[in-house]
């Protein structure tokens, strides 16, 4: 289990005075901006905010929300890297030339599998493709199956029919439905916690006999599983976790676990959308003893606000059972990896 578990009290409160996360039903006061001045053919990274009925996507690139088309399958909450191309006033996100070359070598029947792998930054090797192909054919070769199969493979989970169906169900939930399930789980925690030690309650026990909560807990656990070695978890479908005491404020969270000799290093990346702060991302690393945190904002004003509350944030983080090694703030696309050195360099 990750050392950070919101069901059992390890939540981070937003200090007084710091703008709160976006609540369900609130609109972020940012419309679609003008197209960024990005040269044609530039490799860009971004996140999918929503998939529209007309086949376009609402994405965020370089801190701006805009509509784009894509020649690769994308999912809400998913990070992506793609080449930028302008087309009739709307940008098109295309696979890289190397990925396109790989895709052309795959038979047309298996292209959905290949696209599902490439869109998530996963290796398009014969071994991986063979694993997905066998499971896909065994399950009926449905057009909705490649995505969940790729997600399961990326986390080293069984490519079973039950797992695929659970992920399909979870990945199609609206945020309101996710928030409702978290609310019910927390209500069960409060009720059952008065009878026994809350830390002894597993997620499975909290779901009780409720079939929907049971499905939610199991599917959520699969997407919260750490990715395989060498897989970038930020390109996978995230798990939705509640922020603090509010079930209606959700963060998109990815997990990764690495072995460093005898030690286990956890990395947790998250993103949330604020009303006043806009998009906030966080990078956490822990060896299950110490904790390092890096928080990033995509707007300079938001970064100034974060830094003005750095002491309060450090005090709140200091209340966790993990020793806070460092807390840093960064802007937009700055690389936060240096913040991990406090743990990585330990002997």
C-alpha atoms as a PDB file:
ATOM      1  CA  UNK A   1       0.000   0.000   0.000  1.00  0.00           C
ATOM      2  CA  UNK A   2       1.191   3.521  -0.689  1.00  0.00           C
ATOM      3  CA  UNK A   3       2.387   5.403   2.427  1.00  0.00           C
ATOM      4  CA  UNK A   4      -0.262   8.053   1.624  1.00  0.00           C
ATOM      5  CA  UNK A   5      -3.780   6.677   2.161  1.00  0.00           C
ATOM      6  CA  UNK A   6      -6.714   9.156   2.273  1.00  0.00           C
ATOM      7  CA  UNK A   7      -9.123   6.570   3.674  1.00  0.00           C
ATOM      8  CA  UNK A   8      -7.149   6.263   6.904  1.00  0.00           C
ATOM      9  CA  UNK A   9      -6.396   9.858   7.727  1.00  0.00           C
ATOM     10  CA  UNK A  10      -3.284  10.641   5.665  1.00  0.00           C
ATOM     11  CA  UNK A  11      -4.868  13.577   3.897  1.00  0.00           C
ATOM     12  CA  UNK A  12      -3.310  16.982   3.353  1.00  0.00           C
ATOM     13  CA  UNK A  13      -5.455  19.908   4.412  1.00  0.00           C
ATOM     14  CA  UNK A  14      -5.421  23.154   2.479  1.00  0.00           C
ATOM     15  CA  UNK A  15      -4.076  25.738   4.974  1.00  0.00           C
ATOM     16  CA  UNK A  16      -6.302  28.650   5.915  1.00  0.00           C
ATOM     17  CA  UNK A  17      -5.936  31.522   3.472  1.00  0.00           C
ATOM     18  CA  UNK A  18      -4.838  29.341   0.576  1.00  0.00           C
ATOM     19  CA  UNK A  19      -7.428  29.204  -2.259  1.00  0.00           C
ATOM     20  CA  UNK A  20      -9.422  25.991  -2.082  1.00  0.00           C
ATOM     21  CA  UNK A  21      -9.582  23.275  -4.746  1.00  0.00           C
ATOM     22  CA  UNK A  22     -12.345  23.400  -7.290  1.00  0.00           C
ATOM     23  CA  UNK A  23     -15.593  21.952  -5.924  1.00  0.00           C
ATOM     24  CA  UNK A  24     -17.838  19.751  -8.006  1.00  0.00           C
ATOM     25  CA  UNK A  25     -20.156  21.936 -10.054  1.00  0.00           C
ATOM     26  CA  UNK A  26     -17.884  24.973  -9.960  1.00  0.00           C
ATOM     27  CA  UNK A  27     -16.601  26.290 -13.246  1.00  0.00           C
ATOM     28  CA  UNK A  28     -12.986  27.299 -13.536  1.00  0.00           C
ATOM     29  CA  UNK A  29     -12.945  30.868 -14.734  1.00  0.00           C
ATOM     30  CA  UNK A  30     -10.780  30.192 -17.731  1.00  0.00           C
ATOM     31  CA  UNK A  31     -12.129  29.874 -21.198  1.00  0.00           C
ATOM     32  CA  UNK A  32     -10.311  28.459 -24.156  1.00  0.00           C
ATOM     33  CA  UNK A  33      -7.380  30.686 -24.871  1.00  0.00           C
ATOM     34  CA  UNK A  34      -5.751  31.718 -28.096  1.00  0.00           C
ATOM     35  CA  UNK A  35      -3.495  29.152 -29.683  1.00  0.00           C
ATOM     36  CA  UNK A  36      -0.021  29.122 -28.131  1.00  0.00           C
ATOM     37  CA  UNK A  37       2.764  30.243 -30.441  1.00  0.00           C
ATOM     38  CA  UNK A  38       4.163  26.743 -30.931  1.00  0.00           C
ATOM     39  CA  UNK A  39       6.230  26.013 -34.058  1.00  0.00           C
ATOM     40  CA  UNK A  40       4.814  23.393 -36.392  1.00  0.00           C
ATOM     41  CA  UNK A  41       6.135  19.917 -35.599  1.00  0.00           C
ATOM     42  CA  UNK A  42       7.069  20.660 -31.974  1.00  0.00           C
ATOM     43  CA  UNK A  43       6.761  17.746 -29.544  1.00  0.00           C
ATOM     44  CA  UNK A  44       4.345  18.961 -26.860  1.00  0.00           C
ATOM     45  CA  UNK A  45       3.120  17.496 -23.598  1.00  0.00           C
ATOM     46  CA  UNK A  46      -0.293  18.116 -22.115  1.00  0.00           C
ATOM     47  CA  UNK A  47      -3.286  16.645 -20.346  1.00  0.00           C
ATOM     48  CA  UNK A  48      -6.745  15.778 -21.673  1.00  0.00           C
ATOM     49  CA  UNK A  49      -9.488  17.618 -19.782  1.00  0.00           C
ATOM     50  CA  UNK A  50     -12.456  16.144 -21.643  1.00  0.00           C
ATOM     51  CA  UNK A  51     -13.453  14.251 -24.780  1.00  0.00           C
ATOM     52  CA  UNK A  52     -16.157  16.009 -26.790  1.00  0.00           C
ATOM     53  CA  UNK A  53     -19.074  14.518 -28.730  1.00  0.00           C
ATOM     54  CA  UNK A  54     -17.704  15.802 -32.045  1.00  0.00           C
ATOM     55  CA  UNK A  55     -14.481  13.835 -31.663  1.00  0.00           C
ATOM     56  CA  UNK A  56     -12.354  16.778 -30.506  1.00  0.00           C
ATOM     57  CA  UNK A  57     -10.669  17.099 -27.127  1.00  0.00           C
ATOM     58  CA  UNK A  58     -10.382  19.861 -24.559  1.00  0.00           C
ATOM     59  CA  UNK A  59      -6.699  19.765 -23.598  1.00  0.00           C
ATOM     60  CA  UNK A  60      -4.256  21.846 -21.611  1.00  0.00           C
ATOM     61  CA  UNK A  61      -0.933  22.614 -23.267  1.00  0.00           C
ATOM     62  CA  UNK A  62       1.606  25.077 -21.843  1.00  0.00           C
ATOM     63  CA  UNK A  63      -0.904  26.214 -19.236  1.00  0.00           C
ATOM     64  CA  UNK A  64      -3.635  27.003 -21.775  1.00  0.00           C
ATOM     65  CA  UNK A  65      -6.925  25.243 -22.366  1.00  0.00           C
ATOM     66  CA  UNK A  66      -7.790  24.712 -26.015  1.00  0.00           C
ATOM     67  CA  UNK A  67      -9.670  22.386 -28.313  1.00  0.00           C
ATOM     68  CA  UNK A  68      -7.676  20.018 -30.468  1.00  0.00           C
ATOM     69  CA  UNK A  69      -8.082  17.055 -32.758  1.00  0.00           C
ATOM     70  CA  UNK A  70      -5.921  13.958 -32.473  1.00  0.00           C
ATOM     71  CA  UNK A  71      -4.994  10.982 -34.594  1.00  0.00           C
ATOM     72  CA  UNK A  72      -4.362   8.901 -31.488  1.00  0.00           C
ATOM     73  CA  UNK A  73      -6.912   7.776 -28.887  1.00  0.00           C
ATOM     74  CA  UNK A  74      -6.981   9.954 -25.769  1.00  0.00           C
ATOM     75  CA  UNK A  75      -8.858   9.650 -22.471  1.00  0.00           C
ATOM     76  CA  UNK A  76      -9.950  12.367 -19.997  1.00  0.00           C
ATOM     77  CA  UNK A  77      -7.292  12.825 -17.327  1.00  0.00           C
ATOM     78  CA  UNK A  78      -4.599  11.243 -19.512  1.00  0.00           C
ATOM     79  CA  UNK A  79      -1.278  12.963 -20.128  1.00  0.00           C
ATOM     80  CA  UNK A  80       0.029  12.814 -23.653  1.00  0.00           C
ATOM     81  CA  UNK A  81       3.015  13.707 -25.768  1.00  0.00           C
ATOM     82  CA  UNK A  82       2.428  14.349 -29.438  1.00  0.00           C
ATOM     83  CA  UNK A  83       3.553  16.465 -32.363  1.00  0.00           C
ATOM     84  CA  UNK A  84       1.802  19.809 -32.792  1.00  0.00           C
ATOM     85  CA  UNK A  85       0.270  20.570 -36.180  1.00  0.00           C
ATOM     86  CA  UNK A  86      -2.092  23.415 -37.072  1.00  0.00           C
ATOM     87  CA  UNK A  87      -5.044  22.529 -39.259  1.00  0.00           C
ATOM     88  CA  UNK A  88      -7.877  24.869 -40.245  1.00  0.00           C
ATOM     89  CA  UNK A  89      -7.579  26.905 -37.080  1.00  0.00           C
ATOM     90  CA  UNK A  90      -7.615  23.883 -34.759  1.00  0.00           C
ATOM     91  CA  UNK A  91      -4.399  22.128 -33.713  1.00  0.00           C
ATOM     92  CA  UNK A  92      -3.960  18.429 -34.414  1.00  0.00           C
ATOM     93  CA  UNK A  93      -2.001  16.210 -32.052  1.00  0.00           C
ATOM     94  CA  UNK A  94      -0.214  13.528 -34.050  1.00  0.00           C
ATOM     95  CA  UNK A  95       1.919  10.524 -33.222  1.00  0.00           C
ATOM     96  CA  UNK A  96       5.657  11.012 -33.525  1.00  0.00           C
ATOM     97  CA  UNK A  97       7.297   9.901 -36.822  1.00  0.00           C
ATOM     98  CA  UNK A  98       8.964   6.973 -35.050  1.00  0.00           C
ATOM     99  CA  UNK A  99       5.617   5.867 -33.599  1.00  0.00           C
ATOM    100  CA  UNK A 100       3.940   6.250 -36.990  1.00  0.00           C
ATOM    101  CA  UNK A 101       6.655   4.108 -38.544  1.00  0.00           C
ATOM    102  CA  UNK A 102       6.048   1.417 -35.929  1.00  0.00           C
ATOM    103  CA  UNK A 103       2.293   1.659 -36.458  1.00  0.00           C
ATOM    104  CA  UNK A 104       2.645   1.097 -40.210  1.00  0.00           C
ATOM    105  CA  UNK A 105       4.419  -2.192 -39.509  1.00  0.00           C
ATOM    106  CA  UNK A 106       1.358  -3.533 -37.645  1.00  0.00           C
ATOM    107  CA  UNK A 107      -1.520  -5.232 -39.445  1.00  0.00           C
ATOM    108  CA  UNK A 108      -4.704  -3.169 -39.779  1.00  0.00           C
ATOM    109  CA  UNK A 109      -6.573  -5.625 -37.553  1.00  0.00           C
ATOM    110  CA  UNK A 110      -4.143  -5.078 -34.678  1.00  0.00           C
ATOM    111  CA  UNK A 111      -3.783  -1.308 -35.079  1.00  0.00           C
ATOM    112  CA  UNK A 112      -6.210  -0.564 -32.178  1.00  0.00           C
ATOM    113  CA  UNK A 113      -3.902  -2.509 -29.864  1.00  0.00           C
ATOM    114  CA  UNK A 114      -0.839  -0.690 -31.167  1.00  0.00           C
ATOM    115  CA  UNK A 115      -2.520   2.715 -30.823  1.00  0.00           C
ATOM    116  CA  UNK A 116      -3.539   1.935 -27.239  1.00  0.00           C
ATOM    117  CA  UNK A 117       0.101   1.140 -26.405  1.00  0.00           C
ATOM    118  CA  UNK A 118       1.606   4.129 -28.221  1.00  0.00           C
ATOM    119  CA  UNK A 119      -0.887   6.608 -26.743  1.00  0.00           C
ATOM    120  CA  UNK A 120       0.284   5.547 -23.271  1.00  0.00           C
ATOM    121  CA  UNK A 121       3.982   5.597 -24.077  1.00  0.00           C
ATOM    122  CA  UNK A 122       4.179   1.813 -23.775  1.00  0.00           C
ATOM    123  CA  UNK A 123       6.601  -0.338 -25.796  1.00  0.00           C
ATOM    124  CA  UNK A 124       5.285  -1.646 -29.098  1.00  0.00           C
ATOM    125  CA  UNK A 125       7.359  -4.804 -28.933  1.00  0.00           C
ATOM    126  CA  UNK A 126       6.282  -8.189 -30.277  1.00  0.00           C
ATOM    127  CA  UNK A 127       6.202  -9.649 -26.760  1.00  0.00           C
ATOM    128  CA  UNK A 128       3.876  -6.953 -25.434  1.00  0.00           C
ATOM    129  CA  UNK A 129       1.713  -7.003 -28.551  1.00  0.00           C
ATOM    130  CA  UNK A 130       1.455 -10.793 -28.388  1.00  0.00           C
ATOM    131  CA  UNK A 131       0.239 -10.641 -24.761  1.00  0.00           C
ATOM    132  CA  UNK A 132      -2.432  -8.078 -25.580  1.00  0.00           C
ATOM    133  CA  UNK A 133      -3.387  -9.818 -28.820  1.00  0.00           C
ATOM    134  CA  UNK A 134      -4.029 -13.142 -27.056  1.00  0.00           C
ATOM    135  CA  UNK A 135      -6.183 -11.520 -24.385  1.00  0.00           C
ATOM    136  CA  UNK A 136      -8.015  -9.314 -26.913  1.00  0.00           C
ATOM    137  CA  UNK A 137      -8.947 -12.257 -29.143  1.00  0.00           C
ATOM    138  CA  UNK A 138      -9.909 -14.380 -26.148  1.00  0.00           C
ATOM    139  CA  UNK A 139     -12.298 -11.636 -24.968  1.00  0.00           C
ATOM    140  CA  UNK A 140     -13.949 -11.151 -28.370  1.00  0.00           C
ATOM    141  CA  UNK A 141     -11.737  -8.443 -29.971  1.00  0.00           C
ATOM    142  CA  UNK A 142     -14.163  -5.648 -28.981  1.00  0.00           C
ATOM    143  CA  UNK A 143     -13.252  -2.089 -29.973  1.00  0.00           C
ATOM    144  CA  UNK A 144     -13.367  -0.888 -26.335  1.00  0.00           C
ATOM    145  CA  UNK A 145     -10.947  -3.525 -25.042  1.00  0.00           C
ATOM    146  CA  UNK A 146      -7.469  -2.303 -26.164  1.00  0.00           C
ATOM    147  CA  UNK A 147      -7.380   0.647 -23.729  1.00  0.00           C
ATOM    148  CA  UNK A 148      -8.161  -1.333 -20.554  1.00  0.00           C
ATOM    149  CA  UNK A 149      -5.857  -4.142 -21.672  1.00  0.00           C
ATOM    150  CA  UNK A 150      -2.983  -1.681 -22.112  1.00  0.00           C
ATOM    151  CA  UNK A 151      -3.700  -0.148 -18.682  1.00  0.00           C
ATOM    152  CA  UNK A 152      -3.632  -3.571 -17.028  1.00  0.00           C
ATOM    153  CA  UNK A 153      -0.409  -4.594 -18.785  1.00  0.00           C
ATOM    154  CA  UNK A 154       1.262  -1.304 -17.793  1.00  0.00           C
ATOM    155  CA  UNK A 155       0.629  -2.155 -14.136  1.00  0.00           C
ATOM    156  CA  UNK A 156       1.488  -5.854 -14.364  1.00  0.00           C
ATOM    157  CA  UNK A 157      -2.105  -6.905 -13.604  1.00  0.00           C
ATOM    158  CA  UNK A 158      -3.906  -9.967 -15.037  1.00  0.00           C
ATOM    159  CA  UNK A 159      -5.495  -9.410 -18.465  1.00  0.00           C
ATOM    160  CA  UNK A 160      -8.735 -11.078 -17.376  1.00  0.00           C
ATOM    161  CA  UNK A 161     -12.276 -10.407 -18.538  1.00  0.00           C
ATOM    162  CA  UNK A 162     -13.344  -9.303 -15.036  1.00  0.00           C
ATOM    163  CA  UNK A 163     -10.488  -6.805 -14.772  1.00  0.00           C
ATOM    164  CA  UNK A 164     -11.173  -5.386 -18.247  1.00  0.00           C
ATOM    165  CA  UNK A 165     -14.879  -4.925 -17.504  1.00  0.00           C
ATOM    166  CA  UNK A 166     -14.133  -3.256 -14.169  1.00  0.00           C
ATOM    167  CA  UNK A 167     -11.728  -0.791 -15.765  1.00  0.00           C
ATOM    168  CA  UNK A 168     -14.177  -0.025 -18.574  1.00  0.00           C
ATOM    169  CA  UNK A 169     -16.815   0.755 -15.963  1.00  0.00           C
ATOM    170  CA  UNK A 170     -14.498   2.939 -13.855  1.00  0.00           C
ATOM    171  CA  UNK A 171     -12.999   4.787 -16.823  1.00  0.00           C
ATOM    172  CA  UNK A 172     -16.500   5.784 -17.978  1.00  0.00           C
ATOM    173  CA  UNK A 173     -17.614   7.162 -14.600  1.00  0.00           C
ATOM    174  CA  UNK A 174     -18.424  10.866 -14.434  1.00  0.00           C
ATOM    175  CA  UNK A 175     -16.706  12.888 -11.702  1.00  0.00           C
ATOM    176  CA  UNK A 176     -20.053  13.225  -9.906  1.00  0.00           C
ATOM    177  CA  UNK A 177     -20.294   9.433  -9.688  1.00  0.00           C
ATOM    178  CA  UNK A 178     -16.718   9.129  -8.423  1.00  0.00           C
ATOM    179  CA  UNK A 179     -17.397  11.778  -5.764  1.00  0.00           C
ATOM    180  CA  UNK A 180     -20.596  10.002  -4.687  1.00  0.00           C
ATOM    181  CA  UNK A 181     -18.761   6.713  -4.202  1.00  0.00           C
ATOM    182  CA  UNK A 182     -16.025   8.386  -2.158  1.00  0.00           C
ATOM    183  CA  UNK A 183     -18.675  10.033   0.007  1.00  0.00           C
ATOM    184  CA  UNK A 184     -20.314   6.675   0.719  1.00  0.00           C
ATOM    185  CA  UNK A 185     -16.950   5.080   1.534  1.00  0.00           C
ATOM    186  CA  UNK A 186     -16.142   7.855   4.008  1.00  0.00           C
ATOM    187  CA  UNK A 187     -19.575   7.562   5.591  1.00  0.00           C
ATOM    188  CA  UNK A 188     -18.915   3.851   6.091  1.00  0.00           C
ATOM    189  CA  UNK A 189     -15.505   4.686   7.572  1.00  0.00           C
ATOM    190  CA  UNK A 190     -17.018   7.090  10.088  1.00  0.00           C
ATOM    191  CA  UNK A 191     -19.726   4.585  11.038  1.00  0.00           C
ATOM    192  CA  UNK A 192     -17.426   1.567  11.302  1.00  0.00           C
ATOM    193  CA  UNK A 193     -14.543   3.531  12.796  1.00  0.00           C
ATOM    194  CA  UNK A 194     -16.608   4.242  15.903  1.00  0.00           C
ATOM    195  CA  UNK A 195     -16.807   0.499  16.503  1.00  0.00           C
ATOM    196  CA  UNK A 196     -13.169  -0.487  15.911  1.00  0.00           C
ATOM    197  CA  UNK A 197      -9.730   0.868  15.079  1.00  0.00           C
ATOM    198  CA  UNK A 198     -10.111   2.725  11.711  1.00  0.00           C
ATOM    199  CA  UNK A 199      -6.607   1.706  10.621  1.00  0.00           C
ATOM    200  CA  UNK A 200      -7.708  -1.947  10.697  1.00  0.00           C
ATOM    201  CA  UNK A 201     -10.451  -1.352   8.146  1.00  0.00           C
ATOM    202  CA  UNK A 202      -9.572  -2.354   4.600  1.00  0.00           C
ATOM    203  CA  UNK A 203     -11.170  -0.763   1.553  1.00  0.00           C
ATOM    204  CA  UNK A 204     -12.918  -4.074   0.893  1.00  0.00           C
ATOM    205  CA  UNK A 205     -14.514  -4.022   4.359  1.00  0.00           C
ATOM    206  CA  UNK A 206     -15.573  -0.416   3.874  1.00  0.00           C
ATOM    207  CA  UNK A 207     -17.415  -1.346   0.668  1.00  0.00           C
ATOM    208  CA  UNK A 208     -19.494  -3.868   2.610  1.00  0.00           C
ATOM    209  CA  UNK A 209     -22.200  -5.661   0.659  1.00  0.00           C
ATOM    210  CA  UNK A 210     -22.798  -2.790  -1.773  1.00  0.00           C
ATOM    211  CA  UNK A 211     -22.094  -4.167  -5.314  1.00  0.00           C
ATOM    212  CA  UNK A 212     -21.342  -0.726  -6.796  1.00  0.00           C
ATOM    213  CA  UNK A 213     -18.931   0.196  -3.995  1.00  0.00           C
ATOM    214  CA  UNK A 214     -17.260  -3.191  -4.349  1.00  0.00           C
ATOM    215  CA  UNK A 215     -16.702  -2.570  -8.071  1.00  0.00           C
ATOM    216  CA  UNK A 216     -15.496   0.967  -7.382  1.00  0.00           C
ATOM    217  CA  UNK A 217     -12.985  -0.105  -4.728  1.00  0.00           C
ATOM    218  CA  UNK A 218     -11.546  -2.914  -6.859  1.00  0.00           C
ATOM    219  CA  UNK A 219     -11.267  -0.845 -10.056  1.00  0.00           C
ATOM    220  CA  UNK A 220      -9.851   2.122  -8.145  1.00  0.00           C
ATOM    221  CA  UNK A 221      -7.283  -0.175  -6.567  1.00  0.00           C
ATOM    222  CA  UNK A 222      -6.190  -1.412 -10.002  1.00  0.00           C
ATOM    223  CA  UNK A 223      -5.637   2.128 -11.338  1.00  0.00           C
ATOM    224  CA  UNK A 224      -3.821   3.009  -8.099  1.00  0.00           C
ATOM    225  CA  UNK A 225      -1.417   0.110  -8.589  1.00  0.00           C
ATOM    226  CA  UNK A 226       2.133   1.261  -9.411  1.00  0.00           C
ATOM    227  CA  UNK A 227       3.275   1.006 -13.007  1.00  0.00           C
ATOM    228  CA  UNK A 228       5.910  -1.428 -14.283  1.00  0.00           C
ATOM    229  CA  UNK A 229       9.572  -0.491 -14.225  1.00  0.00           C
ATOM    230  CA  UNK A 230      10.357   1.772 -17.172  1.00  0.00           C
ATOM    231  CA  UNK A 231       6.735   2.870 -17.691  1.00  0.00           C
ATOM    232  CA  UNK A 232       5.877   6.568 -17.334  1.00  0.00           C
ATOM    233  CA  UNK A 233       2.738   6.474 -15.126  1.00  0.00           C
ATOM    234  CA  UNK A 234       1.712  10.017 -16.092  1.00  0.00           C
ATOM    235  CA  UNK A 235       0.682   8.745 -19.544  1.00  0.00           C
ATOM    236  CA  UNK A 236      -1.726   6.209 -18.037  1.00  0.00           C
ATOM    237  CA  UNK A 237      -5.337   6.668 -16.963  1.00  0.00           C
ATOM    238  CA  UNK A 238      -5.295   8.179 -13.445  1.00  0.00           C
ATOM    239  CA  UNK A 239      -7.136   7.112 -10.333  1.00  0.00           C
ATOM    240  CA  UNK A 240      -9.374   9.798  -8.803  1.00  0.00           C
ATOM    241  CA  UNK A 241      -8.669  10.502  -5.132  1.00  0.00           C
ATOM    242  CA  UNK A 242     -10.491  12.966  -2.842  1.00  0.00           C
ATOM    243  CA  UNK A 243      -8.683  16.039  -1.549  1.00  0.00           C
ATOM    244  CA  UNK A 244      -8.829  16.449   2.213  1.00  0.00           C
ATOM    245  CA  UNK A 245     -12.274  16.174   3.752  1.00  0.00           C
ATOM    246  CA  UNK A 246     -14.111  17.044   0.539  1.00  0.00           C
ATOM    247  CA  UNK A 247     -15.326  14.211  -1.663  1.00  0.00           C
ATOM    248  CA  UNK A 248     -16.281  16.639  -4.445  1.00  0.00           C
ATOM    249  CA  UNK A 249     -12.714  17.898  -4.940  1.00  0.00           C
ATOM    250  CA  UNK A 250     -10.827  15.240  -6.859  1.00  0.00           C
ATOM    251  CA  UNK A 251      -7.194  14.839  -7.810  1.00  0.00           C
ATOM    252  CA  UNK A 252      -5.924  12.737 -10.717  1.00  0.00           C
ATOM    253  CA  UNK A 253      -3.244  10.507  -9.216  1.00  0.00           C
ATOM    254  CA  UNK A 254      -0.544   8.193 -10.622  1.00  0.00           C
ATOM    255  CA  UNK A 255       1.706   5.851  -8.635  1.00  0.00           C
ATOM    256  CA  UNK A 256       5.121   4.387  -9.304  1.00  0.00           C
ATOM    257  CA  UNK A 257       7.266   2.079  -7.170  1.00  0.00           C
ATOM    258  CA  UNK A 258      10.995   1.603  -7.634  1.00  0.00           C
ATOM    259  CA  UNK A 259      13.499  -0.691  -5.949  1.00  0.00           C
ATOM    260  CA  UNK A 260      16.723   0.950  -4.782  1.00  0.00           C
ATOM    261  CA  UNK A 261      18.758  -1.905  -3.396  1.00  0.00           C
ATOM    262  CA  UNK A 262      16.965  -2.991  -0.228  1.00  0.00           C
ATOM    263  CA  UNK A 263      14.767   0.109  -0.201  1.00  0.00           C
ATOM    264  CA  UNK A 264      11.445   0.777  -1.895  1.00  0.00           C
ATOM    265  CA  UNK A 265      10.931   4.260  -3.303  1.00  0.00           C
ATOM    266  CA  UNK A 266       7.382   5.430  -3.985  1.00  0.00           C
ATOM    267  CA  UNK A 267       6.634   8.229  -6.417  1.00  0.00           C
ATOM    268  CA  UNK A 268       3.184   9.827  -6.522  1.00  0.00           C
ATOM    269  CA  UNK A 269       2.178  12.410  -9.133  1.00  0.00           C
ATOM    270  CA  UNK A 270      -1.122  14.274  -8.959  1.00  0.00           C
ATOM    271  CA  UNK A 271      -3.015  17.064 -10.664  1.00  0.00           C
ATOM    272  CA  UNK A 272      -5.971  19.108  -9.504  1.00  0.00           C
ATOM    273  CA  UNK A 273      -7.886  22.080 -10.834  1.00  0.00           C
ATOM    274  CA  UNK A 274      -8.413  25.084  -8.572  1.00  0.00           C
ATOM    275  CA  UNK A 275     -10.779  28.039  -8.868  1.00  0.00           C
ATOM    276  CA  UNK A 276      -8.195  30.703  -8.023  1.00  0.00           C
ATOM    277  CA  UNK A 277      -4.990  28.743  -8.602  1.00  0.00           C
ATOM    278  CA  UNK A 278      -5.859  26.981 -11.828  1.00  0.00           C
ATOM    279  CA  UNK A 279      -4.013  23.755 -12.592  1.00  0.00           C
ATOM    280  CA  UNK A 280      -1.776  22.528  -9.775  1.00  0.00           C
ATOM    281  CA  UNK A 281       0.455  19.488 -10.030  1.00  0.00           C
ATOM    282  CA  UNK A 282       2.362  17.714  -7.322  1.00  0.00           C
ATOM    283  CA  UNK A 283       5.243  15.262  -7.216  1.00  0.00           C
ATOM    284  CA  UNK A 284       5.879  13.261  -4.057  1.00  0.00           C
ATOM    285  CA  UNK A 285       8.573  10.725  -3.288  1.00  0.00           C
ATOM    286  CA  UNK A 286       8.921   8.570  -0.194  1.00  0.00           C
ATOM    287  CA  UNK A 287      11.081   5.695   0.982  1.00  0.00           C
ATOM    288  CA  UNK A 288       8.361   4.956   3.583  1.00  0.00           C
ATOM    289  CA  UNK A 289      10.396   6.936   6.125  1.00  0.00           C
ATOM    290  CA  UNK A 290      11.010  10.348   4.575  1.00  0.00           C
ATOM    291  CA  UNK A 291       8.919  12.472   2.244  1.00  0.00           C
ATOM    292  CA  UNK A 292       9.847  15.046  -0.398  1.00  0.00           C
ATOM    293  CA  UNK A 293       7.232  17.200  -2.073  1.00  0.00           C
ATOM    294  CA  UNK A 294       7.306  19.459  -5.132  1.00  0.00           C
ATOM    295  CA  UNK A 295       4.258  21.551  -6.041  1.00  0.00           C
ATOM    296  CA  UNK A 296       3.912  23.274  -9.395  1.00  0.00           C
ATOM    297  CA  UNK A 297       1.598  25.915 -10.803  1.00  0.00           C
ATOM    298  CA  UNK A 298       0.945  26.797 -14.431  1.00  0.00           C
ATOM    299  CA  UNK A 299       0.363  30.475 -13.663  1.00  0.00           C
ATOM    300  CA  UNK A 300       2.893  32.833 -12.068  1.00  0.00           C
ATOM    301  CA  UNK A 301       0.257  34.372  -9.818  1.00  0.00           C
ATOM    302  CA  UNK A 302      -0.665  30.937  -8.501  1.00  0.00           C
ATOM    303  CA  UNK A 303       3.002  30.135  -7.864  1.00  0.00           C
ATOM    304  CA  UNK A 304       3.366  33.337  -5.822  1.00  0.00           C
ATOM    305  CA  UNK A 305       0.329  32.338  -3.739  1.00  0.00           C
ATOM    306  CA  UNK A 306       1.734  28.852  -3.150  1.00  0.00           C
ATOM    307  CA  UNK A 307       5.103  30.219  -2.064  1.00  0.00           C
ATOM    308  CA  UNK A 308       3.466  32.712   0.296  1.00  0.00           C
ATOM    309  CA  UNK A 309       1.900  29.749   2.129  1.00  0.00           C
ATOM    310  CA  UNK A 310       4.926  27.454   2.021  1.00  0.00           C
ATOM    311  CA  UNK A 311       5.453  27.552   5.803  1.00  0.00           C
ATOM    312  CA  UNK A 312       1.822  26.581   6.506  1.00  0.00           C
ATOM    313  CA  UNK A 313       2.043  23.741   3.989  1.00  0.00           C
ATOM    314  CA  UNK A 314       5.283  22.500   5.551  1.00  0.00           C
ATOM    315  CA  UNK A 315       3.648  22.568   9.001  1.00  0.00           C
ATOM    316  CA  UNK A 316       0.698  20.507   7.776  1.00  0.00           C
ATOM    317  CA  UNK A 317       2.970  18.008   6.025  1.00  0.00           C
ATOM    318  CA  UNK A 318       5.023  17.817   9.223  1.00  0.00           C
ATOM    319  CA  UNK A 319       2.014  16.287  10.986  1.00  0.00           C
ATOM    320  CA  UNK A 320       2.245  13.140   8.838  1.00  0.00           C
ATOM    321  CA  UNK A 321       4.057  10.052  10.084  1.00  0.00           C
ATOM    322  CA  UNK A 322       6.670  10.538   7.336  1.00  0.00           C
ATOM    323  CA  UNK A 323       9.533  12.966   8.022  1.00  0.00           C
ATOM    324  CA  UNK A 324       9.393  15.902   5.597  1.00  0.00           C
ATOM    325  CA  UNK A 325      12.797  16.106   3.883  1.00  0.00           C
ATOM    326  CA  UNK A 326      11.988  18.974   1.514  1.00  0.00           C
ATOM    327  CA  UNK A 327       9.154  21.062   0.078  1.00  0.00           C
ATOM    328  CA  UNK A 328       9.751  22.987  -3.148  1.00  0.00           C
ATOM    329  CA  UNK A 329       7.596  24.994  -5.546  1.00  0.00           C
ATOM    330  CA  UNK A 330       8.097  25.211  -9.313  1.00  0.00           C
ATOM    331  CA  UNK A 331       6.593  26.930 -12.317  1.00  0.00           C
ATOM    332  CA  UNK A 332       4.951  25.249 -15.313  1.00  0.00           C
ATOM    333  CA  UNK A 333       7.317  22.920 -17.151  1.00  0.00           C
ATOM    334  CA  UNK A 334      10.255  23.221 -14.759  1.00  0.00           C
ATOM    335  CA  UNK A 335      11.780  19.847 -13.965  1.00  0.00           C
ATOM    336  CA  UNK A 336      11.143  18.912 -10.308  1.00  0.00           C
ATOM    337  CA  UNK A 337      13.384  15.832 -10.201  1.00  0.00           C
ATOM    338  CA  UNK A 338      16.003  17.628  -8.085  1.00  0.00           C
ATOM    339  CA  UNK A 339      13.531  17.565  -5.194  1.00  0.00           C
ATOM    340  CA  UNK A 340      13.957  13.788  -4.957  1.00  0.00           C
ATOM    341  CA  UNK A 341      17.674  13.969  -4.160  1.00  0.00           C
ATOM    342  CA  UNK A 342      17.067  14.254  -0.400  1.00  0.00           C
ATOM    343  CA  UNK A 343      15.868  10.638  -0.517  1.00  0.00           C
ATOM    344  CA  UNK A 344      17.805   9.327  -3.505  1.00  0.00           C
ATOM    345  CA  UNK A 345      21.187  10.241  -2.018  1.00  0.00           C
ATOM    346  CA  UNK A 346      20.593   8.584   1.349  1.00  0.00           C
ATOM    347  CA  UNK A 347      22.998   5.747   2.159  1.00  0.00           C
END
